[in-house]
């Protein structure tokens, strides 16, 4: 499951998800729309926040997309 799919499935807005993650909305939005790859600590944080529904591997962008 992607981060965007998880946020939508939980019925959250992007600002709400960012607040729950204690991260900037712009950061979470860019990661959710796959415009940016998170740092490893943030990827772990997102995976924990989603109870494993979004994996660290899912957050890694293909080399040509990064």
Protein backbone atom coordinates (compact mmCIF):
# COMPACT_ATOMS: atom_id res chain seq x y z
CA UNK A 1 0.00 0.00 0.00
CA UNK A 2 1.30 3.45 -0.83
CA UNK A 3 1.39 6.27 1.68
CA UNK A 4 -1.25 8.16 -0.29
CA UNK A 5 -3.54 5.11 -0.33
CA UNK A 6 -3.07 4.66 3.42
CA UNK A 7 -3.84 8.30 4.18
CA UNK A 8 -7.02 8.09 2.08
CA UNK A 9 -8.01 4.73 3.62
CA UNK A 10 -7.73 6.23 7.10
CA UNK A 11 -9.95 9.13 5.99
CA UNK A 12 -7.27 11.68 6.80
CA UNK A 13 -6.38 14.90 5.07
CA UNK A 14 -2.77 15.54 4.23
CA UNK A 15 -2.45 18.13 7.06
CA UNK A 16 -3.92 15.63 9.54
CA UNK A 17 -1.52 12.88 8.47
CA UNK A 18 1.43 15.28 8.66
CA UNK A 19 0.37 16.38 12.14
CA UNK A 20 0.10 12.78 13.33
CA UNK A 21 3.58 12.10 11.95
CA UNK A 22 4.88 15.38 13.42
CA UNK A 23 6.31 16.35 10.04
CA UNK A 24 5.77 19.27 7.68
CA UNK A 25 2.75 18.90 5.43
CA UNK A 26 4.87 19.67 2.37
CA UNK A 27 7.24 16.84 3.26
CA UNK A 28 4.47 14.27 3.68
CA UNK A 29 2.69 15.49 0.55
CA UNK A 30 5.86 15.13 -1.56
CA UNK A 31 6.48 11.64 -0.19
CA UNK A 32 2.84 10.60 -0.67
CA UNK A 33 2.86 11.77 -4.29
CA UNK A 34 6.27 10.13 -4.84
CA UNK A 35 8.04 13.41 -5.59
CA UNK A 36 10.53 12.82 -2.80
CA UNK A 37 12.04 9.87 -1.03
CA UNK A 38 12.05 10.00 2.78
CA UNK A 39 15.14 9.64 4.88
CA UNK A 40 15.58 6.21 6.44
CA UNK A 41 14.44 7.42 9.90
CA UNK A 42 11.32 9.00 8.38
CA UNK A 43 10.58 5.85 6.36
CA UNK A 44 10.76 3.81 9.57
CA UNK A 45 8.52 6.36 11.31
CA UNK A 46 5.93 6.17 8.52
CA UNK A 47 5.98 2.35 8.56
CA UNK A 48 5.43 2.34 12.33
CA UNK A 49 2.68 4.98 12.09
CA UNK A 50 0.86 2.90 9.47
CA UNK A 51 1.24 -0.30 11.55
CA UNK A 52 3.23 -1.80 8.69
CA UNK A 53 0.62 -1.12 5.99
CA UNK A 54 3.16 1.15 4.29
CA UNK A 55 6.56 -0.51 4.25
CA UNK A 56 9.93 1.18 4.13
CA UNK A 57 10.53 -0.57 0.79
CA UNK A 58 7.33 0.95 -0.63
CA UNK A 59 8.67 4.42 0.14
CA UNK A 60 11.90 3.93 -1.79
CA UNK A 61 11.73 5.47 -5.24
CA UNK A 62 13.17 3.77 -8.28
CA UNK A 63 16.49 5.31 -9.22
CA UNK A 64 15.09 6.87 -12.40
CA UNK A 65 12.17 8.42 -10.44
CA UNK A 66 14.24 9.98 -7.67
